[in-house]
Each structure stands twice: as structure tokens, then as C-alpha cells.
N, C-alpha and C. Protein backbone atom coordinates (compact mmCIF):
# COMPACT_ATOMS: atom_id res chain seq x y z
N UNK A 1 0.91 86.09 77.18
CA UNK A 1 1.96 85.56 76.31
C UNK A 1 1.66 84.09 76.04
N UNK A 2 1.66 83.72 74.76
CA UNK A 2 1.38 82.36 74.35
C UNK A 2 2.55 81.45 74.71
N UNK A 3 2.26 80.21 75.11
CA UNK A 3 3.32 79.27 75.46
C UNK A 3 4.05 78.82 74.20
N UNK A 4 5.35 78.51 74.34
CA UNK A 4 6.10 78.02 73.18
C UNK A 4 5.48 76.76 72.59
N UNK A 5 4.96 75.88 73.44
CA UNK A 5 4.32 74.67 72.95
C UNK A 5 3.10 75.01 72.10
N UNK A 6 2.32 75.95 72.55
CA UNK A 6 1.11 76.35 71.82
C UNK A 6 1.48 76.91 70.44
N UNK A 7 2.51 77.74 70.39
CA UNK A 7 2.95 78.31 69.11
C UNK A 7 3.42 77.20 68.18
N UNK A 8 4.22 76.28 68.71
CA UNK A 8 4.72 75.18 67.88
C UNK A 8 3.57 74.26 67.46
N UNK A 9 2.63 73.97 68.38
CA UNK A 9 1.49 73.11 68.04
C UNK A 9 0.63 73.76 66.96
N UNK A 10 0.44 75.06 67.04
CA UNK A 10 -0.35 75.76 66.02
C UNK A 10 0.31 75.71 64.65
N UNK A 11 1.61 75.57 64.64
CA UNK A 11 2.36 75.54 63.38
C UNK A 11 3.08 74.20 63.21
N UNK A 12 2.40 73.13 63.61
CA UNK A 12 2.97 71.78 63.55
C UNK A 12 3.40 71.38 62.14
N UNK A 13 2.79 72.00 61.15
CA UNK A 13 3.07 71.66 59.77
C UNK A 13 4.45 72.13 59.31
N UNK A 14 5.07 73.07 60.05
CA UNK A 14 6.40 73.56 59.66
C UNK A 14 7.43 72.43 59.77
N UNK A 15 7.54 71.73 60.93
CA UNK A 15 8.50 70.61 60.95
C UNK A 15 8.09 69.48 60.00
N UNK A 16 6.80 69.34 59.72
CA UNK A 16 6.35 68.34 58.75
C UNK A 16 6.93 68.66 57.37
N UNK A 17 6.81 69.91 56.95
CA UNK A 17 7.34 70.31 55.63
C UNK A 17 8.87 70.18 55.63
N UNK A 18 9.51 70.58 56.73
CA UNK A 18 10.97 70.45 56.80
C UNK A 18 11.38 68.98 56.70
N UNK A 19 10.63 68.10 57.37
CA UNK A 19 10.93 66.68 57.33
C UNK A 19 10.73 66.09 55.93
N UNK A 20 9.64 66.47 55.27
CA UNK A 20 9.39 65.99 53.91
C UNK A 20 10.49 66.47 52.97
N UNK A 21 10.90 67.74 53.11
CA UNK A 21 11.98 68.26 52.27
C UNK A 21 13.28 67.49 52.51
N UNK A 22 13.57 67.16 53.76
CA UNK A 22 14.79 66.40 54.08
C UNK A 22 14.72 65.01 53.46
N UNK A 23 13.55 64.38 53.50
CA UNK A 23 13.40 63.04 52.92
C UNK A 23 13.55 63.10 51.40
N UNK A 24 12.96 64.09 50.76
CA UNK A 24 13.10 64.23 49.31
C UNK A 24 14.57 64.43 48.95
N UNK A 25 15.23 65.32 49.68
CA UNK A 25 16.66 65.55 49.43
C UNK A 25 17.45 64.27 49.65
N UNK A 26 17.17 63.55 50.74
CA UNK A 26 17.88 62.31 51.03
C UNK A 26 17.69 61.26 49.96
N UNK A 27 16.45 61.10 49.48
CA UNK A 27 16.18 60.12 48.42
C UNK A 27 16.92 60.49 47.14
N UNK A 28 16.94 61.77 46.82
CA UNK A 28 17.66 62.21 45.61
C UNK A 28 19.14 61.87 45.73
N UNK A 29 19.73 62.08 46.89
CA UNK A 29 21.15 61.79 47.09
C UNK A 29 21.42 60.29 47.00
N UNK A 30 20.48 59.46 47.44
CA UNK A 30 20.67 58.01 47.40
C UNK A 30 20.40 57.42 46.02
N UNK A 31 19.39 57.94 45.34
CA UNK A 31 19.01 57.40 44.03
C UNK A 31 20.03 57.79 42.96
N UNK A 32 20.57 58.99 43.04
CA UNK A 32 21.53 59.47 42.04
C UNK A 32 22.87 59.81 42.69
N UNK A 33 23.58 58.81 43.23
CA UNK A 33 24.84 59.11 43.94
C UNK A 33 25.94 59.59 43.01
N UNK A 34 25.80 59.34 41.73
CA UNK A 34 26.84 59.75 40.78
C UNK A 34 26.68 61.17 40.28
N UNK A 35 25.82 61.95 40.91
CA UNK A 35 25.66 63.34 40.47
C UNK A 35 26.99 64.07 40.50
N UNK A 36 27.13 65.01 39.60
CA UNK A 36 28.36 65.81 39.63
C UNK A 36 28.37 66.66 40.90
N UNK A 37 29.53 67.15 41.27
CA UNK A 37 29.66 68.00 42.44
C UNK A 37 28.77 69.23 42.29
N UNK A 38 28.72 69.78 41.11
CA UNK A 38 27.90 70.98 40.89
C UNK A 38 26.43 70.72 41.18
N UNK A 39 25.89 69.64 40.63
CA UNK A 39 24.48 69.33 40.82
C UNK A 39 24.19 69.02 42.29
N UNK A 40 25.06 68.28 42.94
CA UNK A 40 24.88 67.98 44.35
C UNK A 40 24.88 69.27 45.17
N UNK A 41 25.76 70.19 44.84
CA UNK A 41 25.80 71.46 45.55
C UNK A 41 24.53 72.27 45.31
N UNK A 42 24.01 72.25 44.10
CA UNK A 42 22.77 72.98 43.79
C UNK A 42 21.60 72.40 44.58
N UNK A 43 21.48 71.07 44.58
CA UNK A 43 20.39 70.42 45.31
C UNK A 43 20.51 70.71 46.81
N UNK A 44 21.71 70.55 47.35
CA UNK A 44 21.90 70.85 48.77
C UNK A 44 21.63 72.32 49.05
N UNK A 45 22.13 73.21 48.19
CA UNK A 45 21.92 74.65 48.39
C UNK A 45 20.44 75.00 48.45
N UNK A 46 19.65 74.44 47.55
CA UNK A 46 18.20 74.70 47.55
C UNK A 46 17.55 74.17 48.83
N UNK A 47 17.93 72.96 49.23
CA UNK A 47 17.38 72.39 50.46
C UNK A 47 17.75 73.25 51.67
N UNK A 48 19.02 73.64 51.79
CA UNK A 48 19.47 74.41 52.95
C UNK A 48 18.77 75.77 53.01
N UNK A 49 18.56 76.40 51.86
CA UNK A 49 17.85 77.69 51.84
C UNK A 49 16.40 77.50 52.27
N UNK A 50 15.74 76.49 51.74
CA UNK A 50 14.35 76.21 52.11
C UNK A 50 14.24 75.92 53.61
N UNK A 51 15.12 75.06 54.12
CA UNK A 51 15.11 74.72 55.54
C UNK A 51 15.38 75.96 56.38
N UNK A 52 16.28 76.81 55.94
CA UNK A 52 16.60 78.03 56.67
C UNK A 52 15.43 79.00 56.72
N UNK A 53 14.74 79.17 55.60
CA UNK A 53 13.57 80.06 55.57
C UNK A 53 12.51 79.54 56.53
N UNK A 54 12.27 78.23 56.53
CA UNK A 54 11.25 77.66 57.41
C UNK A 54 11.65 77.87 58.88
N UNK A 55 12.91 77.72 59.21
CA UNK A 55 13.37 77.92 60.58
C UNK A 55 13.23 79.38 61.00
N UNK A 56 13.54 80.31 60.12
CA UNK A 56 13.39 81.74 60.42
C UNK A 56 11.92 82.08 60.66
N UNK A 57 11.04 81.56 59.82
CA UNK A 57 9.61 81.80 60.01
C UNK A 57 9.18 81.30 61.38
N UNK A 58 9.58 80.09 61.73
CA UNK A 58 9.23 79.54 63.04
C UNK A 58 9.80 80.40 64.16
N UNK A 59 11.03 80.86 64.01
CA UNK A 59 11.64 81.72 65.02
C UNK A 59 10.85 82.99 65.26
N UNK A 60 10.41 83.63 64.19
CA UNK A 60 9.64 84.86 64.35
C UNK A 60 8.25 84.59 64.92
N UNK A 61 7.68 83.45 64.59
CA UNK A 61 6.39 83.10 65.20
C UNK A 61 6.55 82.89 66.70
N UNK A 62 7.71 82.41 67.12
CA UNK A 62 7.97 82.13 68.53
C UNK A 62 8.40 83.39 69.29
N UNK A 63 8.65 84.47 68.60
CA UNK A 63 9.20 85.69 69.21
C UNK A 63 8.41 86.16 70.42
N UNK A 64 7.10 86.10 70.36
CA UNK A 64 6.27 86.61 71.47
C UNK A 64 6.19 85.64 72.64
N UNK A 65 6.59 84.39 72.42
CA UNK A 65 6.41 83.40 73.49
C UNK A 65 7.71 82.75 73.95
N UNK A 66 8.81 83.09 73.34
CA UNK A 66 10.07 82.41 73.66
C UNK A 66 11.21 83.42 73.63
N UNK A 67 11.83 83.62 74.76
CA UNK A 67 12.92 84.61 74.82
C UNK A 67 14.14 84.18 74.01
N UNK A 68 14.22 82.92 73.67
CA UNK A 68 15.35 82.44 72.86
C UNK A 68 14.91 82.11 71.44
N UNK A 69 13.94 82.85 70.94
CA UNK A 69 13.46 82.68 69.58
C UNK A 69 14.57 82.89 68.56
N UNK A 70 15.54 83.67 68.93
CA UNK A 70 16.65 84.01 68.04
C UNK A 70 17.46 82.77 67.64
N UNK A 71 17.44 81.72 68.48
CA UNK A 71 18.18 80.50 68.14
C UNK A 71 17.61 79.86 66.87
N UNK A 72 16.29 79.91 66.73
CA UNK A 72 15.65 79.39 65.51
C UNK A 72 16.06 80.24 64.31
N UNK A 73 16.10 81.55 64.51
CA UNK A 73 16.49 82.45 63.42
C UNK A 73 17.95 82.21 63.05
N UNK A 74 18.81 82.04 64.06
CA UNK A 74 20.23 81.77 63.79
C UNK A 74 20.38 80.47 63.01
N UNK A 75 19.63 79.44 63.41
CA UNK A 75 19.62 78.17 62.68
C UNK A 75 19.28 78.44 61.21
N UNK A 76 18.25 79.24 60.98
CA UNK A 76 17.82 79.54 59.62
C UNK A 76 18.83 80.35 58.83
N UNK A 77 19.43 81.35 59.47
CA UNK A 77 20.43 82.18 58.79
C UNK A 77 21.64 81.33 58.38
N UNK A 78 22.10 80.46 59.28
CA UNK A 78 23.23 79.58 58.94
C UNK A 78 22.88 78.67 57.76
N UNK A 79 21.67 78.13 57.76
CA UNK A 79 21.25 77.26 56.66
C UNK A 79 21.20 78.04 55.34
N UNK A 80 20.66 79.23 55.38
CA UNK A 80 20.57 80.05 54.15
C UNK A 80 21.96 80.42 53.65
N UNK A 81 22.85 80.81 54.55
CA UNK A 81 24.21 81.17 54.14
C UNK A 81 24.93 80.00 53.47
N UNK A 82 24.85 78.82 54.08
CA UNK A 82 25.54 77.68 53.48
C UNK A 82 24.88 77.31 52.15
N UNK A 83 23.57 77.47 52.06
CA UNK A 83 22.87 77.20 50.80
C UNK A 83 23.29 78.15 49.69
N UNK A 84 23.39 79.43 50.02
CA UNK A 84 23.81 80.43 49.02
C UNK A 84 25.25 80.19 48.57
N UNK A 85 26.10 79.83 49.52
CA UNK A 85 27.49 79.53 49.16
C UNK A 85 27.55 78.36 48.18
N UNK A 86 26.74 77.34 48.43
CA UNK A 86 26.72 76.17 47.55
C UNK A 86 26.23 76.55 46.15
N UNK A 87 25.29 77.47 46.07
CA UNK A 87 24.73 77.85 44.77
C UNK A 87 25.63 78.80 43.98
N UNK A 88 26.27 79.74 44.66
CA UNK A 88 26.99 80.79 43.94
C UNK A 88 28.50 80.56 43.80
N UNK A 89 29.07 79.66 44.57
CA UNK A 89 30.51 79.37 44.45
C UNK A 89 30.75 77.87 44.37
N UNK A 90 30.15 77.20 43.38
CA UNK A 90 30.27 75.74 43.34
C UNK A 90 31.69 75.24 43.12
N UNK A 91 32.48 75.90 42.29
CA UNK A 91 33.84 75.42 42.06
C UNK A 91 34.71 75.60 43.30
N UNK A 92 34.63 76.77 43.90
CA UNK A 92 35.41 77.02 45.11
C UNK A 92 34.91 76.16 46.27
N UNK A 93 33.64 75.85 46.24
CA UNK A 93 33.05 75.07 47.33
C UNK A 93 33.31 73.58 47.20
N UNK A 94 33.73 73.11 46.06
CA UNK A 94 33.88 71.67 45.85
C UNK A 94 34.71 71.02 46.96
N UNK A 95 35.86 71.62 47.28
CA UNK A 95 36.70 71.06 48.33
C UNK A 95 36.22 71.47 49.72
N UNK A 96 35.81 72.70 49.85
CA UNK A 96 35.37 73.21 51.16
C UNK A 96 33.97 72.72 51.54
N UNK A 97 33.25 72.16 50.58
CA UNK A 97 31.88 71.71 50.78
C UNK A 97 31.75 70.80 52.01
N UNK A 98 32.60 69.85 52.12
CA UNK A 98 32.52 68.88 53.22
C UNK A 98 32.69 69.57 54.57
N UNK A 99 33.65 70.46 54.68
CA UNK A 99 33.91 71.14 55.96
C UNK A 99 32.75 72.07 56.32
N UNK A 100 32.25 72.81 55.33
CA UNK A 100 31.13 73.71 55.60
C UNK A 100 29.90 72.93 56.04
N UNK A 101 29.63 71.83 55.37
CA UNK A 101 28.47 71.02 55.74
C UNK A 101 28.65 70.43 57.13
N UNK A 102 29.87 70.04 57.46
CA UNK A 102 30.15 69.50 58.79
C UNK A 102 29.87 70.55 59.86
N UNK A 103 30.35 71.76 59.64
CA UNK A 103 30.13 72.85 60.61
C UNK A 103 28.64 73.16 60.72
N UNK A 104 27.95 73.22 59.59
CA UNK A 104 26.50 73.47 59.59
C UNK A 104 25.78 72.39 60.39
N UNK A 105 26.14 71.14 60.16
CA UNK A 105 25.50 70.04 60.87
C UNK A 105 25.69 70.11 62.37
N UNK A 106 26.92 70.40 62.79
CA UNK A 106 27.20 70.45 64.23
C UNK A 106 26.48 71.63 64.88
N UNK A 107 26.61 72.81 64.31
CA UNK A 107 25.98 74.00 64.91
C UNK A 107 24.46 73.88 64.92
N UNK A 108 23.89 73.50 63.80
CA UNK A 108 22.43 73.36 63.71
C UNK A 108 21.95 72.26 64.65
N UNK A 109 22.69 71.17 64.71
CA UNK A 109 22.33 70.08 65.61
C UNK A 109 22.34 70.50 67.07
N UNK A 110 23.36 71.23 67.46
CA UNK A 110 23.44 71.71 68.84
C UNK A 110 22.26 72.64 69.15
N UNK A 111 21.93 73.53 68.22
CA UNK A 111 20.79 74.43 68.43
C UNK A 111 19.49 73.64 68.60
N UNK A 112 19.31 72.58 67.83
CA UNK A 112 18.10 71.77 67.96
C UNK A 112 18.08 71.01 69.28
N UNK A 113 19.22 70.52 69.72
CA UNK A 113 19.29 69.82 71.01
C UNK A 113 18.94 70.79 72.14
N UNK A 114 19.47 71.99 72.08
CA UNK A 114 19.16 73.01 73.10
C UNK A 114 17.66 73.29 73.10
N UNK A 115 17.07 73.43 71.92
CA UNK A 115 15.62 73.68 71.85
C UNK A 115 14.84 72.52 72.44
N UNK A 116 15.25 71.30 72.18
CA UNK A 116 14.55 70.13 72.72
C UNK A 116 14.65 70.09 74.24
N UNK A 117 15.81 70.42 74.76
CA UNK A 117 15.98 70.44 76.23
C UNK A 117 15.06 71.48 76.84
N UNK A 118 14.97 72.62 76.19
CA UNK A 118 14.08 73.68 76.70
C UNK A 118 12.62 73.27 76.66
N UNK A 119 12.24 72.44 75.68
CA UNK A 119 10.84 72.05 75.52
C UNK A 119 10.48 70.77 76.28
N UNK A 120 11.44 70.15 76.96
CA UNK A 120 11.20 68.83 77.56
C UNK A 120 10.07 68.81 78.58
N UNK A 121 9.78 69.94 79.21
CA UNK A 121 8.69 69.99 80.19
C UNK A 121 7.37 70.43 79.56
N UNK A 122 7.42 70.79 78.30
CA UNK A 122 6.22 71.30 77.64
C UNK A 122 5.64 70.35 76.61
N UNK A 123 6.42 69.39 76.15
CA UNK A 123 5.96 68.50 75.09
C UNK A 123 6.58 67.12 75.30
N UNK A 124 5.79 66.09 75.06
CA UNK A 124 6.30 64.73 75.21
C UNK A 124 7.20 64.33 74.04
N UNK A 125 7.00 64.90 72.89
CA UNK A 125 7.74 64.50 71.70
C UNK A 125 9.03 65.26 71.45
N UNK A 126 9.59 65.86 72.49
CA UNK A 126 10.82 66.64 72.29
C UNK A 126 11.97 65.76 71.84
N UNK A 127 11.86 64.47 72.08
CA UNK A 127 12.91 63.53 71.68
C UNK A 127 13.14 63.59 70.16
N UNK A 128 12.08 63.84 69.40
CA UNK A 128 12.22 63.87 67.94
C UNK A 128 13.08 65.06 67.51
N UNK A 129 12.87 66.21 68.15
CA UNK A 129 13.70 67.38 67.85
C UNK A 129 15.13 67.13 68.30
N UNK A 130 15.29 66.54 69.49
CA UNK A 130 16.63 66.22 70.00
C UNK A 130 17.32 65.21 69.08
N UNK A 131 16.57 64.20 68.63
CA UNK A 131 17.14 63.19 67.75
C UNK A 131 17.62 63.82 66.44
N UNK A 132 16.82 64.74 65.87
CA UNK A 132 17.27 65.39 64.64
C UNK A 132 18.55 66.18 64.91
N UNK A 133 18.66 66.79 66.10
CA UNK A 133 19.89 67.50 66.46
C UNK A 133 21.08 66.58 66.63
N UNK A 134 20.87 65.47 67.33
CA UNK A 134 21.96 64.50 67.53
C UNK A 134 22.43 63.95 66.19
N UNK A 135 21.47 63.62 65.32
CA UNK A 135 21.84 63.10 64.00
C UNK A 135 22.63 64.13 63.20
N UNK A 136 22.25 65.39 63.29
CA UNK A 136 23.00 66.43 62.59
C UNK A 136 24.41 66.56 63.15
N UNK A 137 24.56 66.48 64.47
CA UNK A 137 25.90 66.57 65.08
C UNK A 137 26.76 65.38 64.65
N UNK A 138 26.20 64.17 64.72
CA UNK A 138 26.94 62.98 64.30
C UNK A 138 27.34 63.09 62.83
N UNK A 139 26.38 63.53 62.01
CA UNK A 139 26.65 63.69 60.58
C UNK A 139 27.77 64.71 60.37
N UNK A 140 27.71 65.83 61.07
CA UNK A 140 28.75 66.85 60.93
C UNK A 140 30.13 66.35 61.33
N UNK A 141 30.18 65.62 62.43
CA UNK A 141 31.47 65.07 62.90
C UNK A 141 32.00 64.06 61.88
N UNK A 142 31.12 63.18 61.39
CA UNK A 142 31.57 62.21 60.38
C UNK A 142 32.09 62.90 59.13
N UNK A 143 31.41 63.96 58.70
CA UNK A 143 31.86 64.70 57.52
C UNK A 143 33.24 65.30 57.76
N UNK A 144 33.48 65.82 58.96
CA UNK A 144 34.77 66.43 59.26
C UNK A 144 35.89 65.38 59.33
N UNK A 145 35.54 64.18 59.77
CA UNK A 145 36.55 63.14 59.90
C UNK A 145 36.97 62.52 58.56
N UNK A 146 36.11 62.61 57.55
CA UNK A 146 36.41 62.00 56.25
C UNK A 146 36.32 63.02 55.12
N UNK A 147 37.03 64.16 55.24
CA UNK A 147 36.89 65.22 54.23
C UNK A 147 37.42 64.83 52.86
N UNK A 148 38.35 63.88 52.78
CA UNK A 148 38.94 63.53 51.49
C UNK A 148 38.20 62.37 50.82
N UNK A 149 37.19 61.85 51.46
CA UNK A 149 36.40 60.77 50.85
C UNK A 149 35.72 61.30 49.60
N UNK A 150 35.50 60.46 48.67
CA UNK A 150 34.87 60.89 47.42
C UNK A 150 33.44 61.35 47.66
N UNK A 151 32.97 62.28 46.83
CA UNK A 151 31.61 62.79 46.96
C UNK A 151 30.57 61.70 46.73
N UNK A 152 30.95 60.64 46.04
CA UNK A 152 30.01 59.54 45.85
C UNK A 152 29.65 58.92 47.19
N UNK A 153 30.66 58.63 48.02
CA UNK A 153 30.37 58.04 49.33
C UNK A 153 29.71 59.07 50.24
N UNK A 154 30.06 60.32 50.09
CA UNK A 154 29.44 61.37 50.90
C UNK A 154 27.98 61.53 50.51
N UNK A 155 27.67 61.35 49.23
CA UNK A 155 26.27 61.44 48.78
C UNK A 155 25.43 60.41 49.51
N UNK A 156 25.95 59.21 49.70
CA UNK A 156 25.21 58.18 50.44
C UNK A 156 25.06 58.57 51.91
N UNK A 157 26.10 59.13 52.49
CA UNK A 157 26.04 59.58 53.88
C UNK A 157 25.03 60.71 54.03
N UNK A 158 25.09 61.66 53.12
CA UNK A 158 24.15 62.79 53.15
C UNK A 158 22.71 62.27 53.01
N UNK A 159 22.49 61.40 52.05
CA UNK A 159 21.16 60.87 51.82
C UNK A 159 20.60 60.12 53.02
N UNK A 160 21.42 59.29 53.62
CA UNK A 160 20.98 58.51 54.78
C UNK A 160 20.63 59.41 55.96
N UNK A 161 21.50 60.34 56.28
CA UNK A 161 21.22 61.23 57.41
C UNK A 161 20.06 62.17 57.12
N UNK A 162 19.93 62.62 55.88
CA UNK A 162 18.78 63.48 55.53
C UNK A 162 17.47 62.70 55.72
N UNK A 163 17.45 61.44 55.33
CA UNK A 163 16.26 60.61 55.55
C UNK A 163 15.95 60.48 57.04
N UNK A 164 16.96 60.18 57.84
CA UNK A 164 16.76 60.03 59.28
C UNK A 164 16.29 61.33 59.93
N UNK A 165 16.89 62.43 59.54
CA UNK A 165 16.49 63.74 60.06
C UNK A 165 15.06 64.05 59.64
N UNK A 166 14.72 63.74 58.39
CA UNK A 166 13.36 63.96 57.91
C UNK A 166 12.34 63.17 58.70
N UNK A 167 12.63 61.90 58.97
CA UNK A 167 11.71 61.07 59.76
C UNK A 167 11.55 61.64 61.17
N UNK A 168 12.65 62.08 61.78
CA UNK A 168 12.58 62.67 63.12
C UNK A 168 11.73 63.94 63.13
N UNK A 169 11.89 64.78 62.11
CA UNK A 169 11.11 66.01 62.05
C UNK A 169 9.63 65.73 61.80
N UNK A 170 9.32 64.73 60.99
CA UNK A 170 7.92 64.36 60.76
C UNK A 170 7.31 63.80 62.04
N UNK A 171 8.06 62.99 62.78
CA UNK A 171 7.56 62.48 64.06
C UNK A 171 7.26 63.64 65.01
N UNK A 172 8.15 64.63 65.05
CA UNK A 172 7.92 65.82 65.88
C UNK A 172 6.64 66.52 65.43
N UNK A 173 6.46 66.67 64.12
CA UNK A 173 5.27 67.38 63.60
C UNK A 173 3.99 66.71 64.07
N UNK A 174 3.93 65.40 64.01
CA UNK A 174 2.71 64.71 64.40
C UNK A 174 2.50 64.74 65.92
N UNK A 175 3.59 64.78 66.68
CA UNK A 175 3.46 64.96 68.13
C UNK A 175 2.91 66.34 68.43
N UNK A 176 3.39 67.33 67.70
CA UNK A 176 2.89 68.70 67.88
C UNK A 176 1.44 68.81 67.46
N UNK A 177 1.10 68.14 66.35
CA UNK A 177 -0.29 68.17 65.89
C UNK A 177 -1.21 67.58 66.97
N UNK A 178 -0.75 66.51 67.63
CA UNK A 178 -1.51 65.90 68.71
C UNK A 178 -1.64 66.82 69.91
N UNK A 179 -0.67 67.70 70.10
CA UNK A 179 -0.69 68.64 71.23
C UNK A 179 -1.49 69.89 70.89
N UNK A 180 -1.96 70.02 69.66
CA UNK A 180 -2.66 71.23 69.22
C UNK A 180 -3.88 71.52 70.05
N UNK A 181 -4.56 70.49 70.55
CA UNK A 181 -5.77 70.70 71.34
C UNK A 181 -5.52 71.22 72.74
N UNK A 182 -4.26 71.34 73.11
CA UNK A 182 -3.93 71.82 74.47
C UNK A 182 -4.29 73.26 74.65
């Protein structure tokens, strides 16, 4: 049975792509904060679906080496569901958008923190995965605390946290790439 570190190191490019996607999404939210609710939901929906697919792929790759591979798949399924909701019910989601994103951030963040704790003895760079989880939890809590704030200010919050999460995921990818020779 292959070690979880080995599987992740072999596929180090997955968190790299996830990080780049988060940074692109974050920059879009910061550069165009005046986007309509519909466009913001479409952009977020596409990002969440992409991130979810990447997480599911990673989960299935880990299936043979990690008994808790399902947590990665759950992370991916939640991301895809929230993405689809944003794409197909934009008017109904306009008000609920903040709460759904908050829940997604907290749940996904907790799953990433759990994964980092599990990997702490196998990889030195687990802090990057944990940091992305902590940032998602903080982001989710902040979103829940200010649900009536205008989407303009939320766009800045989304953009900033997406950039930070992207940087953390890219740092993890390069740590994994360095561990590939193990």
C-alpha cells in the first residue's frame, strides 16, 4: 500500500492548480468588485465546481493509501453542490449566498485541518494545508457574522481570502513536489 505522502507527492500539481485557480478567482473579485450578484455567483460557481472536481480526483487517488480518502471526496462534493446552486439558482441564491458560502468555508476548512493533522508526521509542509483550512474557517465565520453586508464588501473579502488560500495551496504543492523524491 502506497503511503499517503507518496500519493500526494506524485500528484503535487493538484494543489498547485487549485491554488492558481483560487488566486485567479481572488484577483477577479478584487479587480471587479462592482460585479452584479449574478456574475459573482457564476464566477464563484465555476471556481467551486473546479475545486470540487480536483478534490474528488485527489480523494480517489488516495483511496488505496488512506482510509479517510472519503474526506477529500466529501470536500469535493460539497464544493460542487455549492457551485451548482450558484449557477442554477442565482436569484434565489442572492440572499442565501452568504450563508451557503459561510457553511462551505467552515466545513471545507475543518476537513483540510483534519487532513493536515493526519499528515503532520508524514510531511513537513502540512502547515500550508492547515493554513488553507484555518483561512477557510475564518472566512466562513466572518461571512456568517456579516450576512447583510453589501456584496461589494463581500467581494473584497472573498477576493482577499481566495488569494490567501491560493498562496497556501501553492506553498503546499511545492512542498509536496520537494517530497516527490521520497
